[in-house]
Amino acid sequence: MTSTSSPSQTQLRGIAAAPGQVAAPAWRWDEPRVLESAADLTGETGINRLHIAIREVKGALATKASGLESSGAVAEAGILQAQALMLDDPALLDGASSLIRKGRPADAAVGETMAPFAEMLRASDDEVFRARAADVEDVVEQVRRALHGVSDMPPPPAKPSIVVARDLAPSQTAGLDRTLVVGFATEQGTATAHTAILARALGLPAVVGIAGLVDAVADGQVILLDGDRGTLVIDPPAEALAHVAGPMRLVADAAPAVTTDGRRIEVGCNAANLEDAHRGAAAGADGIGLLRSEFLFLGSDRLPTEAQQVAMLEQVMAAMAPRPVILRTLDVGADKPLPALPQPVEANPALGVRGLRLQLLRRPELLMDQLRAALRIATRHPLRLMFPMVSTIDEVHQVKRLLEKARLELNASPRMEVGIMVEVPSAAVTADALAKEVDFFSLGTNDLTQYLFAADRTNPDLAALADSLHPALLRLIDHVVRSAHRKHRWVGVCGEMASDLRAVPLLIGLGVDELSVHPPMVARIKATVRGLDVGECARVATAALRLDSGAAVRRLVEHSVSKT
């Protein structure tokens, strides 16, 4: 989606893939090209060349994975390690060798051998599986380039720049020189693809799925990339550049975030693994506002035992000690597949059996394991428990009965705060009743926004509709916070909205008590909070509730907050 803001600037819209804002010259990515198949890629010579190429690619992947691990992105390094495992699969070498002996050149044989695997993934109804086809194709292209002696990466830019490309493979993203690449934008890709996951781990702002991008941007042209909103502005005005915070880097800030008039805002971090917990602690997070328990279930075709969950949670708590951690129970389903927990295909998985629904309807024993593990941890550590995808008060009653059952089984009654994600509009609307049943709310603004506007957040054509600064969402947040505070409950925000520097004054003005963000954003959000006055934020938030569009809210915030 493209909109022209003035005769000299153009705004392109895509999918927000990695948070942060940055302005720099565009560096048009020239994809490394291989030549036509050569004669020496056939027969036994071709097979020998294939062996050599595979060794070269595995070595390059190992180097890039090591670089990710050294920067703290241990879990993300597994993406490249998984690619290396593909190269160890006998099906690749045997299949390609068979074709080479039949006269096919090695580069073509590799592609033909792997094509069925990529097609199988691409034909899936699940977006995550479709995105994984890119990993197979990435491996093929790496081997083909090695066979022809072509580098994976073009010559780097002469100065810090923003990559503009049709697409970037995961291995290419991991190989970017972050002293010269400060962000990237692509025509293809999704927010769930491994390229986007790597961008977030590397702290590179990224926007993907921008139609017509490459033809619209000239090499060296100044662009403003906003990985929070999913936009790219060509030739931005000077006043827009003045507000650019720049790419994210992990900065330590252990001091509390206190507004100018003395109100403390808790700034926690979101975590998807143990490494995120370490990064959050290093950044000075006040705790973990969202620990995605899915990491306990990844990497195996078997579900973890209760004891295994306890052991991993102990490590997370130790990393954050003595700060609190909010554990969200398993949030998977047909739209978020888990190898150890296969689910039937659903016509509309985002509205299907996922989150708490899955555990209550199909796998209560799985939920019981998590509840017992959480209770065991809570006897020694400040663990809080949170349930995802709550729609009705009856669901809360059901899960509280199971929690009481788990307490009796363990004969343990630690004081453990229990809360829910508010990400379904029905939960937001009935927040007054739900506040009687739980200790806190955490607003999952990503899903709450897409459900409120019935707009898929991964669809770039609907990005303008699913606007987290629209007054409709702000009014819903206002209702949730007021309902919670009347019952003396606290409210946090763990969605991307908490990392949006324009949204922070509004959230504070609406009375939100806690913000949970990506570890590299902790210091930036704390600094933003310290420059705000709660009374002025409340005045701006009240005015925003009366407006009629997200654009109007942004103008209000930019005009008002700049004067505070």
Protein backbone atom coordinates (compact mmCIF):
# COMPACT_ATOMS: atom_id res chain seq x y z
CA MET A 1 0.00 0.00 0.00
CA THR A 2 1.49 3.35 -1.03
CA SER A 3 0.42 6.85 -0.09
CA THR A 4 2.05 10.08 -1.19
CA SER A 5 2.35 12.56 1.67
CA SER A 6 3.71 15.49 -0.31
CA PRO A 7 5.21 16.21 -3.75
CA SER A 8 8.69 15.42 -2.38
CA GLN A 9 8.03 12.46 -0.10
CA THR A 10 6.33 9.10 -0.52
CA GLN A 11 5.27 6.69 2.18
CA LEU A 12 5.25 2.97 1.46
CA ARG A 13 3.50 0.56 3.77
CA GLY A 14 4.37 -3.05 4.54
CA ILE A 15 4.49 -5.42 7.52
CA ALA A 16 6.29 -4.38 10.69
CA ALA A 17 8.88 -7.15 11.11
CA ALA A 18 11.39 -5.78 13.66
CA PRO A 19 10.93 -2.72 15.88
CA GLY A 20 12.88 0.50 15.78
CA GLN A 21 13.21 3.59 13.62
CA VAL A 22 16.19 4.57 11.52
CA ALA A 23 16.98 7.01 8.72
CA ALA A 24 19.86 6.50 6.28
CA PRO A 25 20.66 6.28 2.56
CA ALA A 26 19.16 3.33 0.72
CA TRP A 27 21.51 0.55 -0.35
CA ARG A 28 19.92 -1.40 -3.16
CA TRP A 29 20.85 -5.04 -2.64
CA ASP A 30 22.27 -6.65 -5.75
CA GLU A 31 21.49 -10.33 -5.33
CA PRO A 32 24.57 -12.48 -6.03
CA ARG A 33 23.98 -14.28 -9.32
CA VAL A 34 25.32 -17.62 -10.48
CA LEU A 35 26.24 -18.41 -14.05
CA GLU A 36 24.69 -21.10 -16.21
CA SER A 37 25.63 -24.65 -15.26
CA ALA A 38 29.20 -25.47 -16.22
CA ALA A 39 30.44 -28.70 -17.76
CA ASP A 40 32.63 -29.62 -14.81
CA LEU A 41 29.56 -29.89 -12.58
CA THR A 42 28.56 -33.22 -14.07
CA GLY A 43 29.72 -36.79 -13.50
CA GLU A 44 32.08 -37.74 -10.69
CA THR A 45 33.72 -34.33 -10.89
CA GLY A 46 30.36 -32.74 -10.20
CA ILE A 47 29.77 -35.02 -7.22
CA ASN A 48 33.19 -34.14 -5.80
CA ARG A 49 32.48 -30.44 -6.32
CA LEU A 50 29.16 -30.91 -4.50
CA HIS A 51 30.92 -32.45 -1.48
CA ILE A 52 33.32 -29.50 -1.37
CA ALA A 53 30.50 -26.96 -1.73
CA ILE A 54 28.51 -28.52 1.10
CA ARG A 55 31.55 -28.37 3.39
CA GLU A 56 32.08 -24.71 2.50
CA VAL A 57 28.46 -23.80 3.19
CA LYS A 58 28.45 -25.66 6.51
CA GLY A 59 31.58 -23.78 7.54
CA ALA A 60 30.05 -20.44 6.60
CA LEU A 61 26.85 -21.26 8.50
CA ALA A 62 28.86 -22.27 11.56
CA THR A 63 30.72 -18.94 11.46
CA LYS A 64 27.50 -16.94 11.19
CA ALA A 65 25.83 -18.98 13.93
CA SER A 66 28.81 -18.36 16.18
CA GLY A 67 28.49 -14.64 15.52
CA LEU A 68 24.85 -14.72 16.55
CA GLU A 69 25.67 -16.62 19.73
CA SER A 70 28.40 -14.16 20.67
CA SER A 71 25.90 -11.29 20.34
CA GLY A 72 23.49 -13.08 22.67
CA ALA A 73 21.14 -14.45 20.00
CA VAL A 74 21.69 -18.07 21.00
CA ALA A 75 18.20 -19.28 20.14
CA GLU A 76 18.27 -17.54 16.76
CA ALA A 77 21.61 -19.16 15.95
CA GLY A 78 19.61 -22.39 15.87
CA ILE A 79 18.02 -21.21 12.61
CA LEU A 80 21.37 -21.49 10.84
CA GLN A 81 22.28 -24.65 12.71
CA ALA A 82 19.07 -26.20 11.41
CA GLN A 83 20.12 -25.26 7.88
CA ALA A 84 23.43 -27.01 8.45
CA LEU A 85 21.50 -30.12 9.51
CA MET A 86 19.69 -30.07 6.17
CA LEU A 87 23.08 -30.37 4.51
CA ASP A 88 23.78 -33.48 6.60
CA ASP A 89 20.58 -35.15 5.44
CA PRO A 90 21.54 -38.17 3.28
CA ALA A 91 18.47 -37.49 1.14
CA LEU A 92 20.15 -34.33 -0.21
CA LEU A 93 23.50 -35.80 -1.11
CA ASP A 94 22.16 -39.15 -2.32
CA GLY A 95 19.36 -37.61 -4.35
CA ALA A 96 21.57 -34.98 -5.94
CA SER A 97 24.37 -37.48 -6.63
CA SER A 98 21.93 -39.81 -8.38
CA LEU A 99 20.78 -37.00 -10.66
CA ILE A 100 24.37 -35.93 -11.36
CA ARG A 101 25.26 -39.47 -12.44
CA LYS A 102 22.32 -39.30 -14.84
CA GLY A 103 23.78 -36.22 -16.47
CA ARG A 104 22.28 -33.36 -14.49
CA PRO A 105 24.75 -30.64 -13.41
CA ALA A 106 25.31 -30.42 -9.66
CA ASP A 107 23.69 -27.00 -9.18
CA ALA A 108 20.49 -28.06 -10.92
CA ALA A 109 20.52 -31.44 -9.15
CA VAL A 110 20.55 -29.78 -5.71
CA GLY A 111 17.59 -27.62 -6.61
CA GLU A 112 15.59 -30.52 -8.05
CA THR A 113 16.31 -32.71 -5.03
CA MET A 114 15.14 -30.12 -2.52
CA ALA A 115 12.23 -28.71 -4.52
CA PRO A 116 9.66 -31.27 -3.25
CA PHE A 117 10.45 -30.36 0.36
CA ALA A 118 10.03 -26.66 -0.32
CA GLU A 119 6.79 -27.26 -2.20
CA MET A 120 5.40 -29.39 0.61
CA LEU A 121 6.00 -26.56 3.09
CA ARG A 122 4.67 -23.91 0.72
CA ALA A 123 1.45 -25.87 0.21
CA SER A 124 0.71 -25.88 3.94
CA ASP A 125 -2.34 -24.01 5.22
CA ASP A 126 -0.19 -22.66 8.03
CA GLU A 127 1.70 -19.44 7.46
CA VAL A 128 4.60 -20.49 9.69
CA PHE A 129 5.21 -23.66 7.67
CA ARG A 130 4.92 -21.72 4.41
CA ALA A 131 7.57 -19.33 5.66
CA ARG A 132 9.93 -22.24 6.35
CA ALA A 133 10.08 -23.00 2.62
CA ALA A 134 12.43 -20.02 2.44
CA ASP A 135 14.94 -21.89 4.60
CA VAL A 136 15.04 -24.81 2.16
CA GLU A 137 15.47 -22.46 -0.78
CA ASP A 138 18.16 -20.57 1.13
CA VAL A 139 20.17 -23.76 1.58
CA VAL A 140 19.85 -24.58 -2.11
CA GLU A 141 21.04 -21.12 -3.16
CA GLN A 142 23.99 -21.23 -0.77
CA VAL A 143 25.14 -24.54 -2.27
CA ARG A 144 24.61 -23.30 -5.83
CA ARG A 145 26.65 -20.16 -5.15
CA ALA A 146 29.42 -22.24 -3.56
CA LEU A 147 29.50 -24.49 -6.61
CA HIS A 148 30.08 -21.44 -8.80
CA GLY A 149 32.44 -19.65 -6.43
CA VAL A 150 30.02 -16.75 -5.91
CA SER A 151 29.86 -14.90 -2.60
CA ASP A 152 26.62 -14.93 -0.55
CA MET A 153 26.96 -11.20 0.04
CA PRO A 154 27.47 -8.29 -2.37
CA PRO A 155 30.20 -5.72 -1.61
CA PRO A 156 29.14 -3.72 1.49
CA PRO A 157 27.96 -0.11 1.31
CA ALA A 158 30.49 2.67 1.82
CA LYS A 159 28.60 4.17 4.79
CA PRO A 160 25.79 3.16 7.18
CA SER A 161 22.76 2.39 5.03
CA ILE A 162 19.37 0.71 4.90
CA VAL A 163 19.16 -2.39 2.71
CA VAL A 164 16.43 -2.28 0.06
CA ALA A 165 15.86 -5.67 -1.54
CA ARG A 166 13.25 -7.91 -3.10
CA ASP A 167 14.00 -10.41 -0.35
CA LEU A 168 16.73 -11.49 2.05
CA ALA A 169 17.46 -15.09 2.97
CA PRO A 170 18.06 -15.96 6.64
CA SER A 171 21.74 -16.71 6.02
CA GLN A 172 22.18 -13.36 4.27
CA THR A 173 20.46 -11.51 7.12
CA ALA A 174 22.75 -13.17 9.65
CA GLY A 175 25.77 -12.11 7.55
CA LEU A 176 24.92 -8.39 7.44
CA ASP A 177 27.64 -6.08 8.75
CA ARG A 178 25.78 -4.16 11.45
CA THR A 179 28.34 -1.37 11.44
CA LEU A 180 27.21 -0.57 7.89
CA VAL A 181 23.64 -1.92 7.77
CA VAL A 182 21.25 -0.18 10.17
CA GLY A 183 17.98 -1.70 8.93
CA PHE A 184 16.35 -3.31 5.93
CA ALA A 185 13.20 -3.27 3.83
CA THR A 186 12.04 -5.98 1.42
CA GLU A 187 9.27 -6.52 -1.09
CA GLN A 188 8.67 -10.08 0.07
CA GLY A 189 8.57 -11.79 3.45
CA THR A 190 6.36 -12.03 6.54
CA ALA A 191 6.72 -11.15 10.21
CA THR A 192 6.94 -14.86 11.08
CA ALA A 193 9.75 -15.74 8.64
CA HIS A 194 13.20 -16.53 9.96
CA THR A 195 14.58 -13.39 8.30
CA ALA A 196 12.28 -11.28 10.48
CA ILE A 197 13.15 -13.29 13.59
CA LEU A 198 16.85 -12.71 12.95
CA ALA A 199 16.27 -8.99 12.40
CA ARG A 200 14.63 -8.71 15.82
CA ALA A 201 17.48 -10.64 17.44
CA LEU A 202 20.08 -8.43 15.78
CA GLY A 203 18.28 -5.23 16.73
CA LEU A 204 17.81 -4.22 13.08
CA PRO A 205 14.57 -2.34 12.32
CA ALA A 206 12.85 -4.10 9.42
CA VAL A 207 9.73 -3.75 7.28
CA VAL A 208 8.82 -6.53 4.85
CA GLY A 209 6.10 -7.14 2.25
CA ILE A 210 6.36 -3.64 0.69
CA ALA A 211 4.84 -3.85 -2.80
CA GLY A 212 6.85 -2.03 -5.49
CA LEU A 213 9.69 -1.19 -3.11
CA VAL A 214 12.71 -1.81 -5.35
CA ASP A 215 11.34 0.21 -8.24
CA ALA A 216 10.35 3.08 -5.93
CA VAL A 217 13.69 3.65 -4.17
CA ALA A 218 16.91 4.80 -5.81
CA ASP A 219 20.34 3.83 -4.55
CA GLY A 220 21.59 6.43 -2.05
CA GLN A 221 18.18 8.06 -1.61
CA VAL A 222 17.48 8.99 2.03
CA ILE A 223 14.70 6.88 3.55
CA LEU A 224 13.05 6.71 6.97
CA LEU A 225 12.30 3.15 8.07
CA ASP A 226 9.80 2.59 10.88
CA GLY A 227 9.80 -1.03 12.06
CA ASP A 228 7.13 -0.26 14.66
CA ARG A 229 4.50 1.00 12.21
CA GLY A 230 5.58 -0.95 9.14
CA THR A 231 6.27 2.10 6.97
CA LEU A 232 9.06 3.49 4.81
CA VAL A 233 9.20 7.18 3.87
CA ILE A 234 11.24 8.23 0.83
CA ASP A 235 12.89 11.68 1.11
CA PRO A 236 11.49 12.36 4.61
CA PRO A 237 11.26 16.00 5.78
CA ALA A 238 13.83 17.30 8.25
CA GLU A 239 11.27 17.56 11.05
CA ALA A 240 10.52 13.82 10.73
CA LEU A 241 14.21 12.95 10.96
CA ALA A 242 14.56 14.92 14.18
CA HIS A 243 12.37 12.39 16.02
CA VAL A 244 14.14 9.25 14.80
CA ALA A 245 15.55 7.32 17.73
CA GLY A 246 17.76 5.04 15.65
CA PRO A 247 18.36 1.27 15.65
CA MET A 248 18.15 -0.64 18.90
CA ARG A 249 21.21 -1.71 20.83
CA LEU A 250 21.26 -3.38 24.22
CA VAL A 251 21.95 -0.63 26.77
CA ALA A 252 22.02 -1.22 30.51
CA ASP A 253 19.73 0.97 32.61
CA ALA A 254 19.06 -0.41 36.09
CA ALA A 255 17.52 2.78 37.50
CA PRO A 256 13.73 2.91 37.94
CA ALA A 257 11.55 4.66 35.36
CA VAL A 258 9.94 7.54 37.28
CA THR A 259 7.98 10.32 35.60
CA THR A 260 8.79 13.98 36.26
CA ASP A 261 5.95 14.14 38.77
CA GLY A 262 7.01 11.05 40.69
CA ARG A 263 5.02 8.10 39.34
CA ARG A 264 6.99 4.90 38.82
CA ILE A 265 6.25 2.81 35.74
CA GLU A 266 7.50 -0.76 35.75
CA VAL A 267 9.44 -1.52 32.56
CA GLY A 268 9.84 -5.25 32.04
CA CYS A 269 10.90 -7.31 29.08
CA ASN A 270 9.29 -9.92 26.89
CA ALA A 271 11.21 -13.19 26.74
CA ALA A 272 10.94 -16.25 24.56
CA ASN A 273 13.86 -18.22 26.01
CA LEU A 274 16.59 -18.25 28.63
CA GLU A 275 18.83 -16.04 26.49
CA ASP A 276 16.15 -13.33 26.41
CA ALA A 277 16.02 -13.50 30.21
CA HIS A 278 19.76 -12.87 30.40
CA ARG A 279 19.46 -9.99 27.90
CA GLY A 280 16.57 -8.51 29.85
CA ALA A 281 18.52 -8.68 33.11
CA ALA A 282 21.55 -7.06 31.45
CA ALA A 283 19.32 -4.29 30.08
CA GLY A 284 17.99 -3.48 33.56
CA ALA A 285 14.43 -4.73 33.07
CA ASP A 286 12.26 -4.62 36.19
CA GLY A 287 11.28 -8.22 35.52
CA ILE A 288 9.84 -10.33 32.74
CA GLY A 289 6.39 -9.08 31.83
CA LEU A 290 5.81 -11.94 29.39
CA LEU A 291 7.67 -15.24 29.42
CA ARG A 292 6.43 -17.28 26.49
CA SER A 293 6.35 -20.84 27.78
CA GLU A 294 6.41 -22.20 24.22
CA PHE A 295 10.22 -22.35 24.43
CA LEU A 296 9.86 -25.18 26.96
CA PHE A 297 8.18 -27.26 24.27
CA LEU A 298 10.43 -26.55 21.28
CA GLY A 299 13.26 -28.63 19.92
CA SER A 300 11.70 -32.03 20.60
CA ASP A 301 8.96 -34.23 19.26
CA ARG A 302 8.02 -35.07 22.87
CA LEU A 303 6.25 -32.89 25.38
CA PRO A 304 8.43 -31.87 28.36
CA THR A 305 7.78 -33.44 31.73
CA GLU A 306 6.79 -31.39 34.73
CA ALA A 307 10.30 -31.84 36.15
CA GLN A 308 11.90 -30.61 32.91
CA GLN A 309 9.73 -27.50 32.97
CA VAL A 310 10.70 -26.80 36.56
CA ALA A 311 14.40 -27.15 35.74
CA MET A 312 14.24 -24.65 32.88
CA LEU A 313 12.10 -22.19 34.83
CA GLU A 314 14.62 -22.33 37.66
CA GLN A 315 17.27 -21.10 35.22
CA VAL A 316 15.06 -18.25 34.01
CA MET A 317 14.28 -17.17 37.58
CA ALA A 318 17.98 -17.29 38.45
CA ALA A 319 18.80 -15.10 35.45
CA MET A 320 16.27 -12.46 36.55
CA ALA A 321 16.67 -12.79 40.35
CA PRO A 322 15.33 -11.19 42.45
CA ARG A 323 12.97 -9.63 39.91
CA PRO A 324 9.53 -11.13 39.17
CA VAL A 325 8.66 -13.18 36.10
CA ILE A 326 5.23 -13.58 34.51
CA LEU A 327 4.88 -17.01 32.93
CA ARG A 328 2.25 -17.23 30.21
CA THR A 329 0.87 -20.74 29.87
CA LEU A 330 1.22 -22.46 26.54
CA ASP A 331 -0.16 -20.32 23.70
CA VAL A 332 -0.25 -22.61 20.69
CA GLY A 333 -2.91 -23.99 18.40
CA ALA A 334 -3.67 -24.43 14.73
CA ASP A 335 -2.26 -20.96 13.96
CA LYS A 336 0.84 -21.54 16.12
CA PRO A 337 1.91 -25.14 15.45
CA LEU A 338 4.06 -27.13 17.81
CA PRO A 339 5.79 -30.29 16.53
CA ALA A 340 5.13 -32.20 19.75
CA LEU A 341 1.48 -31.16 19.81
CA PRO A 342 -0.05 -31.61 16.32
CA GLN A 343 -3.50 -30.12 15.86
CA PRO A 344 -6.14 -30.63 13.17
CA VAL A 345 -6.33 -28.08 10.39
CA GLU A 346 -8.85 -25.29 11.00
CA ALA A 347 -10.51 -23.07 8.43
CA ASN A 348 -9.85 -19.96 10.54
CA PRO A 349 -7.06 -20.86 12.98
CA ALA A 350 -6.58 -17.36 14.46
CA LEU A 351 -10.14 -17.68 15.77
CA GLY A 352 -9.90 -21.36 16.58
CA VAL A 353 -8.71 -23.72 19.30
CA ARG A 354 -5.62 -21.94 20.59
CA GLY A 355 -4.18 -20.68 23.86
CA LEU A 356 -6.23 -21.48 26.93
CA ARG A 357 -8.97 -22.94 24.73
CA LEU A 358 -6.66 -25.71 23.57
CA GLN A 359 -5.66 -26.61 27.11
CA LEU A 360 -9.18 -26.57 28.52
CA LEU A 361 -10.92 -28.29 25.61
CA ARG A 362 -8.35 -30.83 24.47
CA ARG A 363 -5.34 -31.10 26.76
CA PRO A 364 -6.18 -30.32 30.40
CA GLU A 365 -3.42 -32.70 31.54
CA LEU A 366 -0.93 -30.50 29.70
CA LEU A 367 -2.21 -27.46 31.57
CA MET A 368 -2.01 -29.34 34.88
CA ASP A 369 1.68 -30.05 34.28
CA GLN A 370 2.29 -26.34 33.73
CA LEU A 371 0.28 -25.37 36.79
CA ARG A 372 2.16 -27.78 39.05
CA ALA A 373 5.50 -26.64 37.65
CA ALA A 374 4.56 -22.99 38.24
CA LEU A 375 3.46 -23.68 41.82
CA ARG A 376 6.68 -25.51 42.58
CA ILE A 377 8.71 -22.56 41.29
CA ALA A 378 6.52 -20.04 43.13
CA THR A 379 7.38 -21.61 46.49
CA ARG A 380 10.94 -20.28 46.02
CA HIS A 381 10.75 -17.43 43.50
CA PRO A 382 8.55 -14.42 42.59
CA LEU A 383 6.72 -16.15 39.74
CA ARG A 384 3.39 -14.90 38.44
CA LEU A 385 1.08 -16.88 36.19
CA MET A 386 -0.88 -15.61 33.19
CA PHE A 387 -3.41 -17.27 30.88
CA PRO A 388 -3.69 -16.41 27.16
CA MET A 389 -6.72 -16.03 24.88
CA VAL A 390 -9.28 -15.66 27.66
CA SER A 391 -12.72 -14.89 26.24
CA THR A 392 -15.17 -15.48 29.09
CA ILE A 393 -15.31 -15.45 32.85
CA ASP A 394 -16.27 -19.13 32.79
CA GLU A 395 -12.85 -19.95 31.35
CA VAL A 396 -11.25 -18.18 34.30
CA HIS A 397 -13.43 -20.14 36.71
CA GLN A 398 -12.39 -23.40 35.03
CA VAL A 399 -8.68 -22.68 35.15
CA LYS A 400 -8.86 -21.48 38.78
CA ARG A 401 -10.47 -24.80 39.71
CA LEU A 402 -7.61 -26.64 37.99
CA LEU A 403 -5.09 -24.44 39.80
CA GLU A 404 -6.69 -25.30 43.13
CA LYS A 405 -6.56 -28.98 42.21
CA ALA A 406 -2.84 -28.63 41.45
CA ARG A 407 -2.30 -26.95 44.85
CA LEU A 408 -3.97 -29.87 46.61
CA GLU A 409 -1.95 -32.43 44.67
CA LEU A 410 1.29 -30.69 45.64
CA ASN A 411 0.13 -29.67 49.10
CA ALA A 412 1.62 -26.28 48.26
CA SER A 413 -0.03 -22.89 48.58
CA PRO A 414 2.53 -20.24 47.63
CA ARG A 415 1.34 -16.69 47.12
CA MET A 416 1.35 -16.50 43.33
CA GLU A 417 -0.34 -13.67 41.46
CA VAL A 418 -2.61 -14.90 38.68
CA GLY A 419 -3.56 -12.78 35.69
CA ILE A 420 -4.92 -12.99 32.18
CA MET A 421 -4.01 -11.67 28.77
CA VAL A 422 -6.58 -9.18 27.54
CA GLU A 423 -6.37 -9.76 23.81
CA VAL A 424 -9.94 -10.77 22.94
CA PRO A 425 -12.49 -7.92 22.74
CA SER A 426 -15.00 -9.83 24.90
CA ALA A 427 -12.45 -9.92 27.74
CA ALA A 428 -11.83 -6.20 27.39
CA VAL A 429 -15.54 -5.40 27.42
CA THR A 430 -16.16 -7.53 30.53
CA ALA A 431 -13.01 -6.39 32.32
CA ASP A 432 -15.06 -5.17 35.28
CA ALA A 433 -16.26 -8.72 35.99
CA LEU A 434 -12.91 -10.35 35.23
CA ALA A 435 -11.09 -7.97 37.58
CA LYS A 436 -12.91 -9.62 40.47
CA GLU A 437 -11.32 -12.96 39.56
CA VAL A 438 -7.65 -12.19 38.86
CA ASP A 439 -4.77 -10.12 40.24
CA PHE A 440 -3.72 -8.33 37.05
CA PHE A 441 -4.34 -7.82 33.36
CA SER A 442 -1.75 -7.74 30.58
CA LEU A 443 -2.93 -6.16 27.34
CA GLY A 444 -1.82 -8.17 24.31
CA THR A 445 -2.30 -5.27 21.94
CA ASN A 446 -1.15 -7.14 18.83
CA ASP A 447 -4.05 -9.59 18.88
CA LEU A 448 -6.45 -7.17 20.54
CA THR A 449 -5.95 -4.74 17.65
CA GLN A 450 -6.44 -7.31 14.91
CA TYR A 451 -9.51 -8.80 16.59
CA LEU A 452 -11.04 -5.40 17.29
CA PHE A 453 -10.71 -4.28 13.67
CA ALA A 454 -11.14 -7.77 12.14
CA ALA A 455 -7.89 -7.10 10.28
CA ASP A 456 -5.12 -9.71 9.92
CA ARG A 457 -1.99 -8.05 11.28
CA THR A 458 0.22 -9.99 8.84
CA ASN A 459 -1.62 -8.63 5.78
CA PRO A 460 0.10 -5.43 4.53
CA ASP A 461 -3.06 -4.33 2.73
CA LEU A 462 -4.81 -4.09 6.11
CA ALA A 463 -1.96 -2.55 8.08
CA ALA A 464 -3.56 0.90 8.04
CA LEU A 465 -6.79 -0.54 9.41
CA ALA A 466 -5.20 -2.47 12.29
CA ASP A 467 -3.97 0.74 13.93
CA SER A 468 -2.98 0.49 17.59
CA LEU A 469 -3.32 4.25 18.03
CA HIS A 470 -6.88 4.38 16.75
CA PRO A 471 -9.28 5.90 19.31
CA ALA A 472 -11.40 2.72 19.21
CA LEU A 473 -8.54 0.74 20.74
CA LEU A 474 -7.61 3.53 23.13
CA ARG A 475 -11.18 3.62 24.44
CA LEU A 476 -11.06 -0.12 25.02
CA ILE A 477 -7.77 0.21 26.90
CA ASP A 478 -9.25 3.06 28.94
CA HIS A 479 -12.17 0.83 29.93
CA VAL A 480 -9.87 -2.05 30.91
CA VAL A 481 -7.61 0.15 33.06
CA ARG A 482 -10.52 1.87 34.82
CA SER A 483 -12.19 -1.49 35.50
CA ALA A 484 -8.98 -2.94 36.91
CA HIS A 485 -8.11 0.02 39.09
CA ARG A 486 -11.58 0.11 40.63
CA LYS A 487 -10.78 -3.39 41.95
CA HIS A 488 -7.21 -2.37 42.87
CA ARG A 489 -5.72 -4.53 40.10
CA TRP A 490 -2.75 -3.45 38.02
CA VAL A 491 -2.53 -3.40 34.22
CA GLY A 492 0.44 -4.03 31.97
CA VAL A 493 0.97 -3.94 28.20
CA CYS A 494 3.08 -6.68 26.62
CA GLY A 495 2.20 -6.09 22.96
CA GLU A 496 4.24 -4.06 20.45
CA MET A 497 2.30 -0.96 21.51
CA ALA A 498 4.42 -0.83 24.68
CA SER A 499 7.51 -0.27 22.51
CA ASP A 500 5.91 2.47 20.39
CA LEU A 501 7.41 5.75 21.59
CA ARG A 502 4.30 7.62 20.45
CA ALA A 503 2.03 5.27 22.35
CA VAL A 504 3.89 5.40 25.67
CA PRO A 505 2.54 8.85 26.72
CA LEU A 506 -0.99 7.69 25.88
CA LEU A 507 -0.65 4.45 27.83
CA ILE A 508 0.71 6.28 30.87
CA GLY A 509 -2.01 8.88 30.53
CA LEU A 510 -4.62 6.10 30.48
CA GLY A 511 -3.19 4.74 33.73
CA VAL A 512 -1.22 1.69 32.56
CA ASP A 513 1.10 0.50 35.34
CA GLU A 514 3.64 -1.64 33.50
CA LEU A 515 5.20 -1.86 30.04
CA SER A 516 6.91 -5.02 28.80
CA VAL A 517 9.14 -4.64 25.74
CA HIS A 518 11.93 -6.31 23.78
CA PRO A 519 15.17 -6.29 25.84
CA PRO A 520 16.95 -3.74 23.58
CA MET A 521 14.01 -1.34 24.08
CA VAL A 522 14.15 -1.31 27.90
CA ALA A 523 16.56 1.62 28.24
CA ARG A 524 14.79 3.66 25.57
CA ILE A 525 11.36 3.20 27.15
CA LYS A 526 12.74 4.05 30.60
CA ALA A 527 14.26 7.23 29.23
CA THR A 528 10.98 8.14 27.55
CA VAL A 529 9.04 7.62 30.79
CA ARG A 530 11.43 9.86 32.73
CA GLY A 531 10.68 12.75 30.40
CA LEU A 532 6.90 12.58 30.85
CA ASP A 533 4.48 14.26 33.23
CA VAL A 534 1.53 12.04 34.16
CA GLY A 535 -0.90 14.93 34.38
CA GLU A 536 -0.01 16.14 30.89
CA CYS A 537 -0.13 12.56 29.55
CA ALA A 538 -3.62 12.18 31.03
CA ARG A 539 -4.75 15.39 29.35
CA VAL A 540 -3.40 14.21 25.99
CA ALA A 541 -4.93 10.74 26.41
CA THR A 542 -8.33 12.21 27.26
CA ALA A 543 -8.19 14.38 24.15
CA ALA A 544 -7.14 11.38 22.05
CA LEU A 545 -10.22 9.42 23.11
CA ARG A 546 -12.39 12.08 21.46
CA LEU A 547 -10.63 11.95 18.09
CA ASP A 548 -11.75 9.91 15.09
CA SER A 549 -8.59 8.38 13.61
CA GLY A 550 -5.14 7.06 14.43
CA ALA A 551 -3.59 9.75 12.23
CA ALA A 552 -5.29 12.44 14.31
CA VAL A 553 -4.01 10.82 17.50
CA ARG A 554 -0.46 10.80 16.15
CA ARG A 555 -0.64 14.49 15.28
CA LEU A 556 -1.95 15.23 18.76
CA VAL A 557 0.84 13.27 20.46
CA GLU A 558 3.60 14.73 18.30
CA HIS A 559 2.34 18.27 18.89
CA SER A 560 1.61 17.91 22.60
CA VAL A 561 4.41 15.69 23.88
CA SER A 562 7.06 17.69 22.05
CA LYS A 563 6.06 20.65 24.23
CA THR A 564 6.14 18.79 27.55
